[in-house]
Amino acid sequence: MSNKSNIFVKGIVDVSPLMIPVVPFGIIFGVLAIDLGLSPATTMAMSIIIFGGASQIVFLQLFSAGASSLVILSSVGAVNSRHLLYGAVLSEHTSDLKMIWKIIISYFLVDQSFAVTNKYLKQSSDKDKVFHSFGAGVTCWMIWQTTTLIGIFLGSIIPEELGLSFAVPLTFIALLVDDLRKLLNVIVIIISGLIATFGYEIIPFKAYVIVAAVIGLLLAMILTKFKVFRNG
């Protein structure tokens, strides 16, 4: 195999262990989308176009709550804004690539692929090392689309009376578990959660997610700076 192919395969191997928790996440998304009334075609299109687990769950949560299109789009955009940082890190390694390759690699750039590729970029001096991200991203894409399809099938046969919408907040709680180890994170999570909970009925346009996220970010910034000044 060529050097690029070897690096591509290494990306697949490195990201594979991280695909284990993605499998139930993708299935839950597919099931919930069908349970909330989305068609199989719309559900698959969302997974292909957005291709972001957390943002797709946010979409479903706001959609089920009756939020406006503007709030849904802005919330999904806010959740996916972290990819701008991922792209900024990879950009210094893609200067020699053609634009078509930059677009392809950016499309497949998700949390898991960035996590393993960022580590690989620091260890490797190979000029084609960015293709590691391509291999990892393609693996994530295939797993996500496959599990979404499985969820769509299961969602079509699971009785509507089961009300699987409760799995949305449970999924987010599972994502937050690792952040509960630090007091600062716990404070931000609690405050943001309280704002979103009490703001659900009083914040207009169902924008409680955006308001809670913005206040949470500001609080995290203030607490972090206070901690730095205190330590200094």
C-alpha atoms as a PDB file:
ATOM      1  CA  MET A   1       0.000   0.000   0.000  1.00  0.00           C
ATOM      2  CA  SER A   2       1.027   3.616  -0.490  1.00  0.00           C
ATOM      3  CA  ASN A   3       2.072   5.795   2.409  1.00  0.00           C
ATOM      4  CA  LYS A   4      -1.281   7.618   2.391  1.00  0.00           C
ATOM      5  CA  SER A   5      -3.137   4.300   2.495  1.00  0.00           C
ATOM      6  CA  ASN A   6      -1.080   3.124   5.484  1.00  0.00           C
ATOM      7  CA  ILE A   7      -1.849   6.325   7.372  1.00  0.00           C
ATOM      8  CA  PHE A   8      -5.526   6.044   6.391  1.00  0.00           C
ATOM      9  CA  VAL A   9      -5.663   2.487   7.812  1.00  0.00           C
ATOM     10  CA  LYS A  10      -3.928   3.614  11.006  1.00  0.00           C
ATOM     11  CA  GLY A  11      -6.648   6.218  11.451  1.00  0.00           C
ATOM     12  CA  ILE A  12      -9.245   3.442  11.216  1.00  0.00           C
ATOM     13  CA  VAL A  13      -7.411   1.305  13.777  1.00  0.00           C
ATOM     14  CA  ASP A  14      -6.830   4.167  16.226  1.00  0.00           C
ATOM     15  CA  VAL A  15     -10.439   5.393  16.251  1.00  0.00           C
ATOM     16  CA  SER A  16     -12.093   1.936  16.370  1.00  0.00           C
ATOM     17  CA  PRO A  17     -12.133   1.607  20.206  1.00  0.00           C
ATOM     18  CA  LEU A  18     -13.972   4.942  20.422  1.00  0.00           C
ATOM     19  CA  MET A  19     -16.771   3.572  18.245  1.00  0.00           C
ATOM     20  CA  ILE A  20     -18.098   1.320  21.022  1.00  0.00           C
ATOM     21  CA  PRO A  21     -20.142   4.067  22.776  1.00  0.00           C
ATOM     22  CA  VAL A  22     -21.167   5.544  19.400  1.00  0.00           C
ATOM     23  CA  VAL A  23     -23.186   2.437  18.508  1.00  0.00           C
ATOM     24  CA  PRO A  24     -25.950   2.853  21.156  1.00  0.00           C
ATOM     25  CA  PHE A  25     -25.882   6.639  20.644  1.00  0.00           C
ATOM     26  CA  GLY A  26     -26.629   6.274  16.938  1.00  0.00           C
ATOM     27  CA  ILE A  27     -29.346   3.692  17.556  1.00  0.00           C
ATOM     28  CA  ILE A  28     -31.017   5.945  20.141  1.00  0.00           C
ATOM     29  CA  PHE A  29     -31.000   8.832  17.663  1.00  0.00           C
ATOM     30  CA  GLY A  30     -32.648   6.742  14.952  1.00  0.00           C
ATOM     31  CA  VAL A  31     -35.297   5.399  17.322  1.00  0.00           C
ATOM     32  CA  LEU A  32     -36.096   8.843  18.767  1.00  0.00           C
ATOM     33  CA  ALA A  33     -36.342  10.494  15.364  1.00  0.00           C
ATOM     34  CA  ILE A  34     -38.943   7.968  14.229  1.00  0.00           C
ATOM     35  CA  ASP A  35     -40.716   8.168  17.603  1.00  0.00           C
ATOM     36  CA  LEU A  36     -41.009  11.955  17.201  1.00  0.00           C
ATOM     37  CA  GLY A  37     -42.581  11.643  13.756  1.00  0.00           C
ATOM     38  CA  LEU A  38     -39.651  12.142  11.380  1.00  0.00           C
ATOM     39  CA  SER A  39     -39.652   9.989   8.266  1.00  0.00           C
ATOM     40  CA  PRO A  40     -36.845   7.458   7.677  1.00  0.00           C
ATOM     41  CA  ALA A  41     -35.596   9.519   4.713  1.00  0.00           C
ATOM     42  CA  THR A  42     -35.488  12.744   6.765  1.00  0.00           C
ATOM     43  CA  THR A  43     -33.724  10.964   9.621  1.00  0.00           C
ATOM     44  CA  MET A  44     -31.018   9.532   7.363  1.00  0.00           C
ATOM     45  CA  ALA A  45     -30.641  12.875   5.570  1.00  0.00           C
ATOM     46  CA  MET A  46     -30.045  14.567   8.923  1.00  0.00           C
ATOM     47  CA  SER A  47     -27.335  12.067   9.833  1.00  0.00           C
ATOM     48  CA  ILE A  48     -25.655  12.540   6.461  1.00  0.00           C
ATOM     49  CA  ILE A  49     -25.922  16.335   6.274  1.00  0.00           C
ATOM     50  CA  ILE A  50     -25.347  17.351   9.907  1.00  0.00           C
ATOM     51  CA  PHE A  51     -23.248  14.322  10.894  1.00  0.00           C
ATOM     52  CA  GLY A  52     -22.948  15.308  14.555  1.00  0.00           C
ATOM     53  CA  GLY A  53     -24.433  13.169  17.312  1.00  0.00           C
ATOM     54  CA  ALA A  54     -24.830  15.854  20.007  1.00  0.00           C
ATOM     55  CA  SER A  55     -26.222  18.474  17.616  1.00  0.00           C
ATOM     56  CA  GLN A  56     -28.678  15.977  16.119  1.00  0.00           C
ATOM     57  CA  ILE A  57     -29.971  15.098  19.592  1.00  0.00           C
ATOM     58  CA  VAL A  58     -30.322  18.833  20.341  1.00  0.00           C
ATOM     59  CA  PHE A  59     -32.296  19.152  17.094  1.00  0.00           C
ATOM     60  CA  LEU A  60     -34.680  16.403  18.207  1.00  0.00           C
ATOM     61  CA  GLN A  61     -35.064  17.856  21.683  1.00  0.00           C
ATOM     62  CA  LEU A  62     -35.943  21.325  20.394  1.00  0.00           C
ATOM     63  CA  PHE A  63     -38.113  19.908  17.610  1.00  0.00           C
ATOM     64  CA  SER A  64     -40.132  17.889  20.121  1.00  0.00           C
ATOM     65  CA  ALA A  65     -40.499  21.001  22.319  1.00  0.00           C
ATOM     66  CA  GLY A  66     -41.938  23.011  19.428  1.00  0.00           C
ATOM     67  CA  ALA A  67     -39.034  25.455  19.068  1.00  0.00           C
ATOM     68  CA  SER A  68     -38.889  27.743  16.050  1.00  0.00           C
ATOM     69  CA  SER A  69     -36.674  26.993  13.057  1.00  0.00           C
ATOM     70  CA  LEU A  70     -34.413  29.936  13.960  1.00  0.00           C
ATOM     71  CA  VAL A  71     -33.805  28.610  17.476  1.00  0.00           C
ATOM     72  CA  ILE A  72     -33.197  25.075  16.206  1.00  0.00           C
ATOM     73  CA  LEU A  73     -30.717  26.183  13.553  1.00  0.00           C
ATOM     74  CA  SER A  74     -28.854  28.548  15.889  1.00  0.00           C
ATOM     75  CA  SER A  75     -28.670  25.920  18.633  1.00  0.00           C
ATOM     76  CA  VAL A  76     -27.358  23.242  16.275  1.00  0.00           C
ATOM     77  CA  GLY A  77     -24.849  25.751  14.921  1.00  0.00           C
ATOM     78  CA  ALA A  78     -23.720  26.664  18.429  1.00  0.00           C
ATOM     79  CA  VAL A  79     -23.193  23.019  19.370  1.00  0.00           C
ATOM     80  CA  ASN A  80     -21.232  22.381  16.174  1.00  0.00           C
ATOM     81  CA  SER A  81     -19.127  25.544  16.533  1.00  0.00           C
ATOM     82  CA  ARG A  82     -16.415  23.503  18.274  1.00  0.00           C
ATOM     83  CA  HIS A  83     -15.567  22.088  14.853  1.00  0.00           C
ATOM     84  CA  LEU A  84     -14.148  25.496  13.955  1.00  0.00           C
ATOM     85  CA  LEU A  85     -11.458  24.891  16.565  1.00  0.00           C
ATOM     86  CA  TYR A  86     -10.813  21.397  15.211  1.00  0.00           C
ATOM     87  CA  GLY A  87     -10.420  22.831  11.725  1.00  0.00           C
ATOM     88  CA  ALA A  88      -8.053  25.516  12.955  1.00  0.00           C
ATOM     89  CA  VAL A  89      -5.771  22.863  14.452  1.00  0.00           C
ATOM     90  CA  LEU A  90      -5.757  20.742  11.284  1.00  0.00           C
ATOM     91  CA  SER A  91      -5.404  23.689   8.903  1.00  0.00           C
ATOM     92  CA  GLU A  92      -1.670  23.983   9.460  1.00  0.00           C
ATOM     93  CA  HIS A  93      -1.278  20.397   8.211  1.00  0.00           C
ATOM     94  CA  THR A  94      -3.461  20.780   5.095  1.00  0.00           C
ATOM     95  CA  SER A  95      -1.744  23.721   3.374  1.00  0.00           C
ATOM     96  CA  ASP A  96      -0.325  21.481   0.635  1.00  0.00           C
ATOM     97  CA  LEU A  97      -3.613  19.712  -0.109  1.00  0.00           C
ATOM     98  CA  LYS A  98      -6.005  20.563  -2.914  1.00  0.00           C
ATOM     99  CA  MET A  99      -9.235  22.300  -1.933  1.00  0.00           C
ATOM    100  CA  ILE A 100     -11.320  19.185  -2.650  1.00  0.00           C
ATOM    101  CA  TRP A 101      -9.299  17.205  -0.089  1.00  0.00           C
ATOM    102  CA  LYS A 102      -9.654  19.976   2.482  1.00  0.00           C
ATOM    103  CA  ILE A 103     -13.438  19.894   2.028  1.00  0.00           C
ATOM    104  CA  ILE A 104     -13.587  16.088   2.277  1.00  0.00           C
ATOM    105  CA  ILE A 105     -11.426  15.938   5.412  1.00  0.00           C
ATOM    106  CA  SER A 106     -13.394  18.783   7.058  1.00  0.00           C
ATOM    107  CA  TYR A 107     -16.690  16.954   6.430  1.00  0.00           C
ATOM    108  CA  PHE A 108     -15.455  13.839   8.239  1.00  0.00           C
ATOM    109  CA  LEU A 109     -13.931  15.821  11.118  1.00  0.00           C
ATOM    110  CA  VAL A 110     -15.844  14.901  14.293  1.00  0.00           C
ATOM    111  CA  ASP A 111     -14.988  14.604  17.990  1.00  0.00           C
ATOM    112  CA  GLN A 112     -13.618  11.072  17.913  1.00  0.00           C
ATOM    113  CA  SER A 113     -11.586  11.471  14.736  1.00  0.00           C
ATOM    114  CA  PHE A 114     -10.078  14.746  15.969  1.00  0.00           C
ATOM    115  CA  ALA A 115      -9.181  13.237  19.344  1.00  0.00           C
ATOM    116  CA  VAL A 116      -7.071  10.429  17.862  1.00  0.00           C
ATOM    117  CA  THR A 117      -5.688  12.473  14.959  1.00  0.00           C
ATOM    118  CA  ASN A 118      -4.589  15.374  17.157  1.00  0.00           C
ATOM    119  CA  LYS A 119      -2.491  12.934  19.170  1.00  0.00           C
ATOM    120  CA  TYR A 120      -1.097  11.341  16.014  1.00  0.00           C
ATOM    121  CA  LEU A 121      -0.161  14.710  14.480  1.00  0.00           C
ATOM    122  CA  LYS A 122       1.988  15.514  17.500  1.00  0.00           C
ATOM    123  CA  GLN A 123       3.852  12.214  17.226  1.00  0.00           C
ATOM    124  CA  SER A 124       4.331  11.960  13.458  1.00  0.00           C
ATOM    125  CA  SER A 125       6.455  14.032  11.091  1.00  0.00           C
ATOM    126  CA  ASP A 126       5.080  12.407   7.920  1.00  0.00           C
ATOM    127  CA  LYS A 127       3.963  14.936   5.283  1.00  0.00           C
ATOM    128  CA  ASP A 128       0.759  12.926   4.643  1.00  0.00           C
ATOM    129  CA  LYS A 129      -0.165  12.539   8.313  1.00  0.00           C
ATOM    130  CA  VAL A 130      -3.431  14.473   7.917  1.00  0.00           C
ATOM    131  CA  PHE A 131      -4.877  11.457   6.062  1.00  0.00           C
ATOM    132  CA  HIS A 132      -5.064   9.855   9.500  1.00  0.00           C
ATOM    133  CA  SER A 133      -8.044  12.154  10.121  1.00  0.00           C
ATOM    134  CA  PHE A 134      -9.635  10.974   6.868  1.00  0.00           C
ATOM    135  CA  GLY A 135      -9.410   7.308   7.895  1.00  0.00           C
ATOM    136  CA  ALA A 136     -10.724   7.988  11.393  1.00  0.00           C
ATOM    137  CA  GLY A 137     -13.519  10.224  10.091  1.00  0.00           C
ATOM    138  CA  VAL A 138     -14.721   7.754   7.452  1.00  0.00           C
ATOM    139  CA  THR A 139     -14.906   5.075  10.157  1.00  0.00           C
ATOM    140  CA  CYS A 140     -17.004   7.362  12.368  1.00  0.00           C
ATOM    141  CA  TRP A 141     -19.266   8.186   9.421  1.00  0.00           C
ATOM    142  CA  MET A 142     -19.911   4.549   8.514  1.00  0.00           C
ATOM    143  CA  ILE A 143     -20.656   3.541  12.110  1.00  0.00           C
ATOM    144  CA  TRP A 144     -22.957   6.528  12.640  1.00  0.00           C
ATOM    145  CA  GLN A 145     -24.952   5.982   9.451  1.00  0.00           C
ATOM    146  CA  THR A 146     -25.250   2.236  10.078  1.00  0.00           C
ATOM    147  CA  THR A 147     -26.447   2.654  13.679  1.00  0.00           C
ATOM    148  CA  THR A 148     -28.863   5.398  12.628  1.00  0.00           C
ATOM    149  CA  LEU A 149     -30.341   2.996  10.065  1.00  0.00           C
ATOM    150  CA  ILE A 150     -30.671   0.301  12.743  1.00  0.00           C
ATOM    151  CA  GLY A 151     -32.407   2.821  15.011  1.00  0.00           C
ATOM    152  CA  ILE A 152     -34.813   3.770  12.223  1.00  0.00           C
ATOM    153  CA  PHE A 153     -35.757   0.124  11.787  1.00  0.00           C
ATOM    154  CA  LEU A 154     -36.223  -0.398  15.531  1.00  0.00           C
ATOM    155  CA  GLY A 155     -38.175   2.854  15.820  1.00  0.00           C
ATOM    156  CA  SER A 156     -40.658   1.651  13.232  1.00  0.00           C
ATOM    157  CA  ILE A 157     -41.466  -1.509  15.202  1.00  0.00           C
ATOM    158  CA  ILE A 158     -41.329  -0.206  18.806  1.00  0.00           C
ATOM    159  CA  PRO A 159     -44.819   0.794  20.055  1.00  0.00           C
ATOM    160  CA  GLU A 160     -45.369   4.564  20.323  1.00  0.00           C
ATOM    161  CA  GLU A 161     -46.840   4.057  23.807  1.00  0.00           C
ATOM    162  CA  LEU A 162     -43.355   3.404  25.191  1.00  0.00           C
ATOM    163  CA  GLY A 163     -42.555   7.121  24.856  1.00  0.00           C
ATOM    164  CA  LEU A 164     -38.827   6.874  24.206  1.00  0.00           C
ATOM    165  CA  SER A 165     -38.358  10.656  24.311  1.00  0.00           C
ATOM    166  CA  PHE A 166     -37.002  10.271  27.858  1.00  0.00           C
ATOM    167  CA  ALA A 167     -33.829   8.844  26.319  1.00  0.00           C
ATOM    168  CA  VAL A 168     -32.808  12.312  25.081  1.00  0.00           C
ATOM    169  CA  PRO A 169     -31.974  13.795  28.524  1.00  0.00           C
ATOM    170  CA  LEU A 170     -30.534  10.437  29.620  1.00  0.00           C
ATOM    171  CA  THR A 171     -28.124  10.545  26.683  1.00  0.00           C
ATOM    172  CA  PHE A 172     -26.915  14.008  27.663  1.00  0.00           C
ATOM    173  CA  ILE A 173     -26.510  12.953  31.286  1.00  0.00           C
ATOM    174  CA  ALA A 174     -24.306  10.094  30.101  1.00  0.00           C
ATOM    175  CA  LEU A 175     -22.168  12.573  28.150  1.00  0.00           C
ATOM    176  CA  LEU A 176     -21.735  14.735  31.262  1.00  0.00           C
ATOM    177  CA  VAL A 177     -20.656  11.967  33.644  1.00  0.00           C
ATOM    178  CA  ASP A 178     -16.959  12.408  32.931  1.00  0.00           C
ATOM    179  CA  ASP A 179     -17.191  16.162  33.634  1.00  0.00           C
ATOM    180  CA  LEU A 180     -18.509  15.590  37.167  1.00  0.00           C
ATOM    181  CA  ARG A 181     -14.985  14.976  38.442  1.00  0.00           C
ATOM    182  CA  LYS A 182     -14.202  18.703  38.718  1.00  0.00           C
ATOM    183  CA  LEU A 183     -16.017  21.120  41.033  1.00  0.00           C
ATOM    184  CA  LEU A 184     -15.902  23.964  38.492  1.00  0.00           C
ATOM    185  CA  ASN A 185     -17.621  21.760  35.891  1.00  0.00           C
ATOM    186  CA  VAL A 186     -20.271  20.700  38.400  1.00  0.00           C
ATOM    187  CA  ILE A 187     -21.067  24.328  39.273  1.00  0.00           C
ATOM    188  CA  VAL A 188     -21.435  25.300  35.602  1.00  0.00           C
ATOM    189  CA  ILE A 189     -23.554  22.221  34.855  1.00  0.00           C
ATOM    190  CA  ILE A 190     -25.918  22.883  37.781  1.00  0.00           C
ATOM    191  CA  ILE A 191     -26.368  26.589  36.994  1.00  0.00           C
ATOM    192  CA  SER A 192     -26.893  25.956  33.272  1.00  0.00           C
ATOM    193  CA  GLY A 193     -29.329  23.148  34.060  1.00  0.00           C
ATOM    194  CA  LEU A 194     -31.358  25.328  36.421  1.00  0.00           C
ATOM    195  CA  ILE A 195     -31.535  28.157  33.879  1.00  0.00           C
ATOM    196  CA  ALA A 196     -32.673  25.761  31.140  1.00  0.00           C
ATOM    197  CA  THR A 197     -35.234  24.120  33.461  1.00  0.00           C
ATOM    198  CA  PHE A 198     -36.836  27.308  34.793  1.00  0.00           C
ATOM    199  CA  GLY A 199     -36.417  29.100  31.482  1.00  0.00           C
ATOM    200  CA  TYR A 200     -38.278  26.415  29.542  1.00  0.00           C
ATOM    201  CA  GLU A 201     -41.604  28.166  30.102  1.00  0.00           C
ATOM    202  CA  ILE A 202     -40.537  31.799  30.451  1.00  0.00           C
ATOM    203  CA  ILE A 203     -37.790  32.319  27.849  1.00  0.00           C
ATOM    204  CA  PRO A 204     -39.433  33.226  24.507  1.00  0.00           C
ATOM    205  CA  PHE A 205     -39.043  31.277  21.263  1.00  0.00           C
ATOM    206  CA  LYS A 206     -37.926  28.167  23.189  1.00  0.00           C
ATOM    207  CA  ALA A 207     -34.431  29.666  23.308  1.00  0.00           C
ATOM    208  CA  TYR A 208     -33.721  28.254  26.774  1.00  0.00           C
ATOM    209  CA  VAL A 209     -30.907  26.046  25.422  1.00  0.00           C
ATOM    210  CA  ILE A 210     -29.056  29.009  23.889  1.00  0.00           C
ATOM    211  CA  VAL A 211     -29.528  31.236  26.950  1.00  0.00           C
ATOM    212  CA  ALA A 212     -28.403  28.487  29.343  1.00  0.00           C
ATOM    213  CA  ALA A 213     -25.371  27.693  27.174  1.00  0.00           C
ATOM    214  CA  VAL A 214     -24.283  31.346  26.890  1.00  0.00           C
ATOM    215  CA  ILE A 215     -24.650  31.972  30.624  1.00  0.00           C
ATOM    216  CA  GLY A 216     -22.830  28.694  31.318  1.00  0.00           C
ATOM    217  CA  LEU A 217     -19.922  29.757  29.091  1.00  0.00           C
ATOM    218  CA  LEU A 218     -19.713  33.186  30.757  1.00  0.00           C
ATOM    219  CA  LEU A 219     -19.818  31.592  34.202  1.00  0.00           C
ATOM    220  CA  ALA A 220     -17.088  29.119  33.243  1.00  0.00           C
ATOM    221  CA  MET A 221     -14.919  31.980  31.957  1.00  0.00           C
ATOM    222  CA  ILE A 222     -15.405  33.986  35.164  1.00  0.00           C
ATOM    223  CA  LEU A 223     -14.719  31.015  37.442  1.00  0.00           C
ATOM    224  CA  THR A 224     -11.647  30.019  35.441  1.00  0.00           C
ATOM    225  CA  LYS A 225     -10.178  33.532  35.603  1.00  0.00           C
ATOM    226  CA  PHE A 226     -10.988  33.774  39.317  1.00  0.00           C
ATOM    227  CA  LYS A 227      -9.192  30.492  39.890  1.00  0.00           C
ATOM    228  CA  VAL A 228      -6.152  31.709  37.934  1.00  0.00           C
ATOM    229  CA  PHE A 229      -5.988  34.981  39.879  1.00  0.00           C
ATOM    230  CA  ARG A 230      -6.469  33.124  43.154  1.00  0.00           C
ATOM    231  CA  ASN A 231      -3.659  30.677  42.375  1.00  0.00           C
ATOM    232  CA  GLY A 232      -1.440  33.559  41.246  1.00  0.00           C
END
